[in-house]
Amino acid sequence: SINKGLWGTSVGGKETLTSHEYLP
C-alpha cells in the first residue's frame, strides 16, 4: 500500500504487520 505526497511516501505491507521484518 503506497501513499505518496509532498512530504514523503508511506509504504505498508505484510512485513510492517510484524514486529521483526523489514521491507524488501
mmCIF file of all heavy atoms, coordinates in Angstrom:
data_MODEL
# 
_entry.id   MODEL 
# 
loop_
_atom_site.group_PDB 
_atom_site.id 
_atom_site.type_symbol 
_atom_site.label_atom_id 
_atom_site.label_alt_id 
_atom_site.label_comp_id 
_atom_site.label_asym_id 
_atom_site.label_entity_id 
_atom_site.label_seq_id 
_atom_site.pdbx_PDB_ins_code 
_atom_site.Cartn_x 
_atom_site.Cartn_y 
_atom_site.Cartn_z 
_atom_site.occupancy 
_atom_site.B_iso_or_equiv 
_atom_site.pdbx_formal_charge 
_atom_site.auth_seq_id 
_atom_site.auth_comp_id 
_atom_site.auth_asym_id 
_atom_site.auth_atom_id 
_atom_site.pdbx_PDB_model_num 
ATOM 1   N N   . SER A 1 1  ? 0.852  -1.184  0.000  1.00 0.00 ? 1  SER A N   1 
ATOM 2   C CA  . SER A 1 1  ? 0.000  0.000   0.000  1.00 0.00 ? 1  SER A CA  1 
ATOM 3   C C   . SER A 1 1  ? 0.889  1.236   0.000  1.00 0.00 ? 1  SER A C   1 
ATOM 4   O O   . SER A 1 1  ? 1.701  1.428   0.907  1.00 0.00 ? 1  SER A O   1 
ATOM 5   C CB  . SER A 1 1  ? -0.896 -0.009  1.245  1.00 0.00 ? 1  SER A CB  1 
ATOM 6   O OG  . SER A 1 1  ? -1.625 1.196   1.337  1.00 0.00 ? 1  SER A OG  1 
ATOM 7   N N   . ILE A 1 2  ? 0.734  2.083   -1.024 1.00 0.00 ? 2  ILE A N   1 
ATOM 8   C CA  . ILE A 1 2  ? 1.593  3.247   -1.202 1.00 0.00 ? 2  ILE A CA  1 
ATOM 9   C C   . ILE A 1 2  ? 0.759  4.521   -1.113 1.00 0.00 ? 2  ILE A C   1 
ATOM 10  O O   . ILE A 1 2  ? -0.263 4.657   -1.796 1.00 0.00 ? 2  ILE A O   1 
ATOM 11  C CB  . ILE A 1 2  ? 2.301  3.213   -2.579 1.00 0.00 ? 2  ILE A CB  1 
ATOM 12  C CG1 . ILE A 1 2  ? 3.010  1.871   -2.804 1.00 0.00 ? 2  ILE A CG1 1 
ATOM 13  C CG2 . ILE A 1 2  ? 3.251  4.391   -2.714 1.00 0.00 ? 2  ILE A CG2 1 
ATOM 14  C CD1 . ILE A 1 2  ? 4.179  1.624   -1.913 1.00 0.00 ? 2  ILE A CD1 1 
ATOM 15  N N   . ASN A 1 3  ? 1.173  5.455   -0.284 1.00 0.00 ? 3  ASN A N   1 
ATOM 16  C CA  . ASN A 1 3  ? 0.540  6.770   -0.203 1.00 0.00 ? 3  ASN A CA  1 
ATOM 17  C C   . ASN A 1 3  ? 1.617  7.835   -0.388 1.00 0.00 ? 3  ASN A C   1 
ATOM 18  O O   . ASN A 1 3  ? 2.462  8.022   0.490  1.00 0.00 ? 3  ASN A O   1 
ATOM 19  C CB  . ASN A 1 3  ? -0.146 6.962   1.158  1.00 0.00 ? 3  ASN A CB  1 
ATOM 20  C CG  . ASN A 1 3  ? -1.431 6.175   1.265  1.00 0.00 ? 3  ASN A CG  1 
ATOM 21  O OD1 . ASN A 1 3  ? -2.449 6.536   0.683  1.00 0.00 ? 3  ASN A OD1 1 
ATOM 22  N ND2 . ASN A 1 3  ? -1.382 5.079   1.993  1.00 0.00 ? 3  ASN A ND2 1 
ATOM 23  N N   . LYS A 1 4  ? 1.559  8.508   -1.525 1.00 0.00 ? 4  LYS A N   1 
ATOM 24  C CA  . LYS A 1 4  ? 2.603  9.463   -1.878 1.00 0.00 ? 4  LYS A CA  1 
ATOM 25  C C   . LYS A 1 4  ? 2.126  10.891  -1.696 1.00 0.00 ? 4  LYS A C   1 
ATOM 26  O O   . LYS A 1 4  ? 0.980  11.219  -1.982 1.00 0.00 ? 4  LYS A O   1 
ATOM 27  C CB  . LYS A 1 4  ? 3.035  9.249   -3.332 1.00 0.00 ? 4  LYS A CB  1 
ATOM 28  C CG  . LYS A 1 4  ? 4.206  10.116  -3.773 1.00 0.00 ? 4  LYS A CG  1 
ATOM 29  C CD  . LYS A 1 4  ? 4.589  9.805   -5.214 1.00 0.00 ? 4  LYS A CD  1 
ATOM 30  C CE  . LYS A 1 4  ? 5.774  10.661  -5.655 1.00 0.00 ? 4  LYS A CE  1 
ATOM 31  N NZ  . LYS A 1 4  ? 6.154  10.399  -7.059 1.00 0.00 ? 4  LYS A NZ  1 
ATOM 32  N N   . GLY A 1 5  ? 3.028  11.754  -1.218 1.00 0.00 ? 5  GLY A N   1 
ATOM 33  C CA  . GLY A 1 5  ? 2.714  13.165  -1.063 1.00 0.00 ? 5  GLY A CA  1 
ATOM 34  C C   . GLY A 1 5  ? 3.959  14.014  -1.080 1.00 0.00 ? 5  GLY A C   1 
ATOM 35  O O   . GLY A 1 5  ? 5.079  13.518  -1.219 1.00 0.00 ? 5  GLY A O   1 
ATOM 36  N N   . LEU A 1 6  ? 3.772  15.325  -0.918 1.00 0.00 ? 6  LEU A N   1 
ATOM 37  C CA  . LEU A 1 6  ? 4.885  16.270  -0.960 1.00 0.00 ? 6  LEU A CA  1 
ATOM 38  C C   . LEU A 1 6  ? 5.945  15.971  0.088  1.00 0.00 ? 6  LEU A C   1 
ATOM 39  O O   . LEU A 1 6  ? 7.144  16.109  -0.167 1.00 0.00 ? 6  LEU A O   1 
ATOM 40  C CB  . LEU A 1 6  ? 4.344  17.698  -0.753 1.00 0.00 ? 6  LEU A CB  1 
ATOM 41  C CG  . LEU A 1 6  ? 5.387  18.816  -0.708 1.00 0.00 ? 6  LEU A CG  1 
ATOM 42  C CD1 . LEU A 1 6  ? 6.007  19.024  -2.088 1.00 0.00 ? 6  LEU A CD1 1 
ATOM 43  C CD2 . LEU A 1 6  ? 4.770  20.112  -0.191 1.00 0.00 ? 6  LEU A CD2 1 
ATOM 44  N N   . TRP A 1 7  ? 5.532  15.541  1.280  1.00 0.00 ? 7  TRP A N   1 
ATOM 45  C CA  . TRP A 1 7  ? 6.440  15.393  2.414  1.00 0.00 ? 7  TRP A CA  1 
ATOM 46  C C   . TRP A 1 7  ? 6.803  13.941  2.679  1.00 0.00 ? 7  TRP A C   1 
ATOM 47  O O   . TRP A 1 7  ? 7.222  13.595  3.780  1.00 0.00 ? 7  TRP A O   1 
ATOM 48  C CB  . TRP A 1 7  ? 5.813  16.039  3.648  1.00 0.00 ? 7  TRP A CB  1 
ATOM 49  C CG  . TRP A 1 7  ? 6.759  16.505  4.701  1.00 0.00 ? 7  TRP A CG  1 
ATOM 50  C CD1 . TRP A 1 7  ? 6.710  16.195  6.032  1.00 0.00 ? 7  TRP A CD1 1 
ATOM 51  C CD2 . TRP A 1 7  ? 7.879  17.400  4.564  1.00 0.00 ? 7  TRP A CD2 1 
ATOM 52  N NE1 . TRP A 1 7  ? 7.721  16.828  6.718  1.00 0.00 ? 7  TRP A NE1 1 
ATOM 53  C CE2 . TRP A 1 7  ? 8.462  17.580  5.843  1.00 0.00 ? 7  TRP A CE2 1 
ATOM 54  C CE3 . TRP A 1 7  ? 8.453  18.061  3.468  1.00 0.00 ? 7  TRP A CE3 1 
ATOM 55  C CZ2 . TRP A 1 7  ? 9.576  18.396  6.060  1.00 0.00 ? 7  TRP A CZ2 1 
ATOM 56  C CZ3 . TRP A 1 7  ? 9.562  18.869  3.680  1.00 0.00 ? 7  TRP A CZ3 1 
ATOM 57  C CH2 . TRP A 1 7  ? 10.111 19.028  4.952  1.00 0.00 ? 7  TRP A CH2 1 
ATOM 58  N N   . GLY A 1 8  ? 6.668  13.083  1.663  1.00 0.00 ? 8  GLY A N   1 
ATOM 59  C CA  . GLY A 1 8  ? 7.086  11.700  1.830  1.00 0.00 ? 8  GLY A CA  1 
ATOM 60  C C   . GLY A 1 8  ? 6.039  10.709  1.370  1.00 0.00 ? 8  GLY A C   1 
ATOM 61  O O   . GLY A 1 8  ? 4.895  11.058  1.082  1.00 0.00 ? 8  GLY A O   1 
ATOM 62  N N   . THR A 1 9  ? 6.460  9.446   1.300  1.00 0.00 ? 9  THR A N   1 
ATOM 63  C CA  . THR A 1 9  ? 5.613  8.357   0.828  1.00 0.00 ? 9  THR A CA  1 
ATOM 64  C C   . THR A 1 9  ? 5.583  7.248   1.865  1.00 0.00 ? 9  THR A C   1 
ATOM 65  O O   . THR A 1 9  ? 6.628  6.777   2.310  1.00 0.00 ? 9  THR A O   1 
ATOM 66  C CB  . THR A 1 9  ? 6.161  7.790   -0.499 1.00 0.00 ? 9  THR A CB  1 
ATOM 67  O OG1 . THR A 1 9  ? 6.198  8.836   -1.483 1.00 0.00 ? 9  THR A OG1 1 
ATOM 68  C CG2 . THR A 1 9  ? 5.300  6.642   -1.001 1.00 0.00 ? 9  THR A CG2 1 
ATOM 69  N N   . SER A 1 10 ? 4.379  6.850   2.274  1.00 0.00 ? 10 SER A N   1 
ATOM 70  C CA  . SER A 1 10 ? 4.266  5.735   3.220  1.00 0.00 ? 10 SER A CA  1 
ATOM 71  C C   . SER A 1 10 ? 4.167  4.425   2.450  1.00 0.00 ? 10 SER A C   1 
ATOM 72  O O   . SER A 1 10 ? 3.628  4.376   1.341  1.00 0.00 ? 10 SER A O   1 
ATOM 73  C CB  . SER A 1 10 ? 3.051  5.904   4.131  1.00 0.00 ? 10 SER A CB  1 
ATOM 74  O OG  . SER A 1 10 ? 1.850  5.787   3.391  1.00 0.00 ? 10 SER A OG  1 
ATOM 75  N N   . VAL A 1 11 ? 4.698  3.363   3.039  1.00 0.00 ? 11 VAL A N   1 
ATOM 76  C CA  . VAL A 1 11 ? 4.714  2.044   2.414  1.00 0.00 ? 11 VAL A CA  1 
ATOM 77  C C   . VAL A 1 11 ? 4.267  1.012   3.446  1.00 0.00 ? 11 VAL A C   1 
ATOM 78  O O   . VAL A 1 11 ? 4.905  0.850   4.495  1.00 0.00 ? 11 VAL A O   1 
ATOM 79  C CB  . VAL A 1 11 ? 6.131  1.676   1.903  1.00 0.00 ? 11 VAL A CB  1 
ATOM 80  C CG1 . VAL A 1 11 ? 6.099  0.329   1.178  1.00 0.00 ? 11 VAL A CG1 1 
ATOM 81  C CG2 . VAL A 1 11 ? 6.683  2.764   0.990  1.00 0.00 ? 11 VAL A CG2 1 
ATOM 82  N N   . GLY A 1 12 ? 3.173  0.317   3.153  1.00 0.00 ? 12 GLY A N   1 
ATOM 83  C CA  . GLY A 1 12 ? 2.686  -0.709  4.064  1.00 0.00 ? 12 GLY A CA  1 
ATOM 84  C C   . GLY A 1 12 ? 2.606  -2.059  3.378  1.00 0.00 ? 12 GLY A C   1 
ATOM 85  O O   . GLY A 1 12 ? 2.274  -2.143  2.192  1.00 0.00 ? 12 GLY A O   1 
ATOM 86  N N   . GLY A 1 13 ? 2.925  -3.111  4.084  1.00 0.00 ? 13 GLY A N   1 
ATOM 87  C CA  . GLY A 1 13 ? 2.862  -4.455  3.520  1.00 0.00 ? 13 GLY A CA  1 
ATOM 88  C C   . GLY A 1 13 ? 2.853  -5.481  4.631  1.00 0.00 ? 13 GLY A C   1 
ATOM 89  O O   . GLY A 1 13 ? 2.780  -5.149  5.814  1.00 0.00 ? 13 GLY A O   1 
ATOM 90  N N   . LYS A 1 14 ? 2.965  -6.753  4.248  1.00 0.00 ? 14 LYS A N   1 
ATOM 91  C CA  . LYS A 1 14 ? 2.894  -7.818  5.258  1.00 0.00 ? 14 LYS A CA  1 
ATOM 92  C C   . LYS A 1 14 ? 4.029  -7.707  6.275  1.00 0.00 ? 14 LYS A C   1 
ATOM 93  O O   . LYS A 1 14 ? 3.872  -8.078  7.441  1.00 0.00 ? 14 LYS A O   1 
ATOM 94  C CB  . LYS A 1 14 ? 2.899  -9.197  4.588  1.00 0.00 ? 14 LYS A CB  1 
ATOM 95  C CG  . LYS A 1 14 ? 4.138  -9.531  3.774  1.00 0.00 ? 14 LYS A CG  1 
ATOM 96  C CD  . LYS A 1 14 ? 3.990  -10.888 3.105  1.00 0.00 ? 14 LYS A CD  1 
ATOM 97  C CE  . LYS A 1 14 ? 5.213  -11.253 2.261  1.00 0.00 ? 14 LYS A CE  1 
ATOM 98  N NZ  . LYS A 1 14 ? 6.443  -11.409 3.036  1.00 0.00 ? 14 LYS A NZ  1 
ATOM 99  N N   . GLU A 1 15 ? 5.162  -7.158  5.848  1.00 0.00 ? 15 GLU A N   1 
ATOM 100 C CA  . GLU A 1 15 ? 6.295  -7.036  6.764  1.00 0.00 ? 15 GLU A CA  1 
ATOM 101 C C   . GLU A 1 15 ? 6.007  -6.033  7.887  1.00 0.00 ? 15 GLU A C   1 
ATOM 102 O O   . GLU A 1 15 ? 6.427  -6.227  9.025  1.00 0.00 ? 15 GLU A O   1 
ATOM 103 C CB  . GLU A 1 15 ? 7.561  -6.598  6.010  1.00 0.00 ? 15 GLU A CB  1 
ATOM 104 C CG  . GLU A 1 15 ? 8.100  -7.619  5.028  1.00 0.00 ? 15 GLU A CG  1 
ATOM 105 C CD  . GLU A 1 15 ? 7.434  -7.534  3.659  1.00 0.00 ? 15 GLU A CD  1 
ATOM 106 O OE1 . GLU A 1 15 ? 6.560  -6.642  3.475  1.00 0.00 ? 15 GLU A OE1 1 
ATOM 107 O OE2 . GLU A 1 15 ? 7.774  -8.345  2.778  1.00 0.00 ? 15 GLU A OE2 1 
ATOM 108 N N   . THR A 1 16 ? 5.301  -4.953  7.555  1.00 0.00 ? 16 THR A N   1 
ATOM 109 C CA  . THR A 1 16 ? 5.039  -3.939  8.576  1.00 0.00 ? 16 THR A CA  1 
ATOM 110 C C   . THR A 1 16 ? 3.952  -4.375  9.559  1.00 0.00 ? 16 THR A C   1 
ATOM 111 O O   . THR A 1 16 ? 3.718  -3.692  10.565 1.00 0.00 ? 16 THR A O   1 
ATOM 112 C CB  . THR A 1 16 ? 4.649  -2.592  7.932  1.00 0.00 ? 16 THR A CB  1 
ATOM 113 O OG1 . THR A 1 16 ? 3.530  -2.775  7.060  1.00 0.00 ? 16 THR A OG1 1 
ATOM 114 C CG2 . THR A 1 16 ? 5.817  -2.031  7.140  1.00 0.00 ? 16 THR A CG2 1 
ATOM 115 N N   . LEU A 1 17 ? 3.309  -5.489  9.291  1.00 0.00 ? 17 LEU A N   1 
ATOM 116 C CA  . LEU A 1 17 ? 2.334  -6.043  10.237 1.00 0.00 ? 17 LEU A CA  1 
ATOM 117 C C   . LEU A 1 17 ? 3.025  -6.882  11.306 1.00 0.00 ? 17 LEU A C   1 
ATOM 118 O O   . LEU A 1 17 ? 2.400  -7.283  12.282 1.00 0.00 ? 17 LEU A O   1 
ATOM 119 C CB  . LEU A 1 17 ? 1.294  -6.895  9.491  1.00 0.00 ? 17 LEU A CB  1 
ATOM 120 C CG  . LEU A 1 17 ? 0.429  -6.155  8.468  1.00 0.00 ? 17 LEU A CG  1 
ATOM 121 C CD1 . LEU A 1 17 ? -0.485 -7.133  7.742  1.00 0.00 ? 17 LEU A CD1 1 
ATOM 122 C CD2 . LEU A 1 17 ? -0.383 -5.042  9.132  1.00 0.00 ? 17 LEU A CD2 1 
ATOM 123 N N   . THR A 1 18 ? 4.315  -7.142  11.094 1.00 0.00 ? 18 THR A N   1 
ATOM 124 C CA  . THR A 1 18 ? 5.104  -7.882  12.086 1.00 0.00 ? 18 THR A CA  1 
ATOM 125 C C   . THR A 1 18 ? 5.945  -6.904  12.897 1.00 0.00 ? 18 THR A C   1 
ATOM 126 O O   . THR A 1 18 ? 6.016  -5.713  12.580 1.00 0.00 ? 18 THR A O   1 
ATOM 127 C CB  . THR A 1 18 ? 6.047  -8.889  11.406 1.00 0.00 ? 18 THR A CB  1 
ATOM 128 O OG1 . THR A 1 18 ? 7.142  -8.175  10.788 1.00 0.00 ? 18 THR A OG1 1 
ATOM 129 C CG2 . THR A 1 18 ? 5.318  -9.706  10.350 1.00 0.00 ? 18 THR A CG2 1 
ATOM 130 N N   . SER A 1 19 ? 6.600  -7.421  13.917 1.00 0.00 ? 19 SER A N   1 
ATOM 131 C CA  . SER A 1 19 ? 7.491  -6.591  14.731 1.00 0.00 ? 19 SER A CA  1 
ATOM 132 C C   . SER A 1 19 ? 8.960  -6.769  14.360 1.00 0.00 ? 19 SER A C   1 
ATOM 133 O O   . SER A 1 19 ? 9.818  -6.049  14.885 1.00 0.00 ? 19 SER A O   1 
ATOM 134 C CB  . SER A 1 19 ? 7.317  -6.922  16.220 1.00 0.00 ? 19 SER A CB  1 
ATOM 135 O OG  . SER A 1 19 ? 6.035  -6.597  16.676 1.00 0.00 ? 19 SER A OG  1 
ATOM 136 N N   . HIS A 1 20 ? 9.259  -7.706  13.460 1.00 0.00 ? 20 HIS A N   1 
ATOM 137 C CA  . HIS A 1 20 ? 10.663 -8.038  13.229 1.00 0.00 ? 20 HIS A CA  1 
ATOM 138 C C   . HIS A 1 20 ? 11.121 -7.981  11.773 1.00 0.00 ? 20 HIS A C   1 
ATOM 139 O O   . HIS A 1 20 ? 12.324 -8.036  11.520 1.00 0.00 ? 20 HIS A O   1 
ATOM 140 C CB  . HIS A 1 20 ? 10.964 -9.447  13.763 1.00 0.00 ? 20 HIS A CB  1 
ATOM 141 C CG  . HIS A 1 20 ? 10.257 -10.543 13.018 1.00 0.00 ? 20 HIS A CG  1 
ATOM 142 N ND1 . HIS A 1 20 ? 8.932  -10.834 13.212 1.00 0.00 ? 20 HIS A ND1 1 
ATOM 143 C CD2 . HIS A 1 20 ? 10.704 -11.413 12.078 1.00 0.00 ? 20 HIS A CD2 1 
ATOM 144 C CE1 . HIS A 1 20 ? 8.581  -11.838 12.429 1.00 0.00 ? 20 HIS A CE1 1 
ATOM 145 N NE2 . HIS A 1 20 ? 9.644  -12.205 11.730 1.00 0.00 ? 20 HIS A NE2 1 
ATOM 146 N N   . GLU A 1 21 ? 10.209 -7.866  10.829 1.00 0.00 ? 21 GLU A N   1 
ATOM 147 C CA  . GLU A 1 21 ? 10.625 -7.888  9.429  1.00 0.00 ? 21 GLU A CA  1 
ATOM 148 C C   . GLU A 1 21 ? 10.768 -6.481  8.860  1.00 0.00 ? 21 GLU A C   1 
ATOM 149 O O   . GLU A 1 21 ? 9.963  -5.588  9.150  1.00 0.00 ? 21 GLU A O   1 
ATOM 150 C CB  . GLU A 1 21 ? 9.611  -8.670  8.587  1.00 0.00 ? 21 GLU A CB  1 
ATOM 151 C CG  . GLU A 1 21 ? 9.604  -10.161 8.839  1.00 0.00 ? 21 GLU A CG  1 
ATOM 152 C CD  . GLU A 1 21 ? 8.707  -10.886 7.845  1.00 0.00 ? 21 GLU A CD  1 
ATOM 153 O OE1 . GLU A 1 21 ? 9.189  -11.139 6.719  1.00 0.00 ? 21 GLU A OE1 1 
ATOM 154 O OE2 . GLU A 1 21 ? 7.557  -11.192 8.181  1.00 0.00 ? 21 GLU A OE2 1 
ATOM 155 N N   . TYR A 1 22 ? 11.793 -6.298  8.020  1.00 0.00 ? 22 TYR A N   1 
ATOM 156 C CA  . TYR A 1 22 ? 12.000 -5.029  7.320  1.00 0.00 ? 22 TYR A CA  1 
ATOM 157 C C   . TYR A 1 22 ? 11.460 -5.147  5.901  1.00 0.00 ? 22 TYR A C   1 
ATOM 158 O O   . TYR A 1 22 ? 11.353 -6.252  5.353  1.00 0.00 ? 22 TYR A O   1 
ATOM 159 C CB  . TYR A 1 22 ? 13.485 -4.662  7.294  1.00 0.00 ? 22 TYR A CB  1 
ATOM 160 C CG  . TYR A 1 22 ? 13.748 -3.233  6.875  1.00 0.00 ? 22 TYR A CG  1 
ATOM 161 C CD1 . TYR A 1 22 ? 13.494 -2.183  7.760  1.00 0.00 ? 22 TYR A CD1 1 
ATOM 162 C CD2 . TYR A 1 22 ? 14.223 -2.928  5.610  1.00 0.00 ? 22 TYR A CD2 1 
ATOM 163 C CE1 . TYR A 1 22 ? 13.723 -0.865  7.393  1.00 0.00 ? 22 TYR A CE1 1 
ATOM 164 C CE2 . TYR A 1 22 ? 14.457 -1.610  5.228  1.00 0.00 ? 22 TYR A CE2 1 
ATOM 165 C CZ  . TYR A 1 22 ? 14.201 -0.586  6.119  1.00 0.00 ? 22 TYR A CZ  1 
ATOM 166 O OH  . TYR A 1 22 ? 14.422 0.721   5.742  1.00 0.00 ? 22 TYR A OH  1 
ATOM 167 N N   . LEU A 1 23 ? 11.124 -4.024  5.307  1.00 0.00 ? 23 LEU A N   1 
ATOM 168 C CA  . LEU A 1 23 ? 10.608 -4.024  3.944  1.00 0.00 ? 23 LEU A CA  1 
ATOM 169 C C   . LEU A 1 23 ? 11.716 -4.391  2.948  1.00 0.00 ? 23 LEU A C   1 
ATOM 170 O O   . LEU A 1 23 ? 12.841 -3.909  3.070  1.00 0.00 ? 23 LEU A O   1 
ATOM 171 C CB  . LEU A 1 23 ? 10.045 -2.650  3.590  1.00 0.00 ? 23 LEU A CB  1 
ATOM 172 C CG  . LEU A 1 23 ? 8.750  -2.257  4.297  1.00 0.00 ? 23 LEU A CG  1 
ATOM 173 C CD1 . LEU A 1 23 ? 8.505  -0.752  4.161  1.00 0.00 ? 23 LEU A CD1 1 
ATOM 174 C CD2 . LEU A 1 23 ? 7.561  -3.037  3.728  1.00 0.00 ? 23 LEU A CD2 1 
ATOM 175 N N   . PRO A 1 24 ? 11.405 -5.208  1.960  1.00 0.00 ? 24 PRO A N   1 
ATOM 176 C CA  . PRO A 1 24 ? 12.409 -5.546  0.944  1.00 0.00 ? 24 PRO A CA  1 
ATOM 177 C C   . PRO A 1 24 ? 12.660 -4.367  0.009  1.00 0.00 ? 24 PRO A C   1 
ATOM 178 O O   . PRO A 1 24 ? 11.863 -3.421  -0.055 1.00 0.00 ? 24 PRO A O   1 
ATOM 179 C CB  . PRO A 1 24 ? 11.765 -6.715  0.191  1.00 0.00 ? 24 PRO A CB  1 
ATOM 180 C CG  . PRO A 1 24 ? 10.298 -6.499  0.355  1.00 0.00 ? 24 PRO A CG  1 
ATOM 181 C CD  . PRO A 1 24 ? 10.123 -5.911  1.715  1.00 0.00 ? 24 PRO A CD  1 
# 
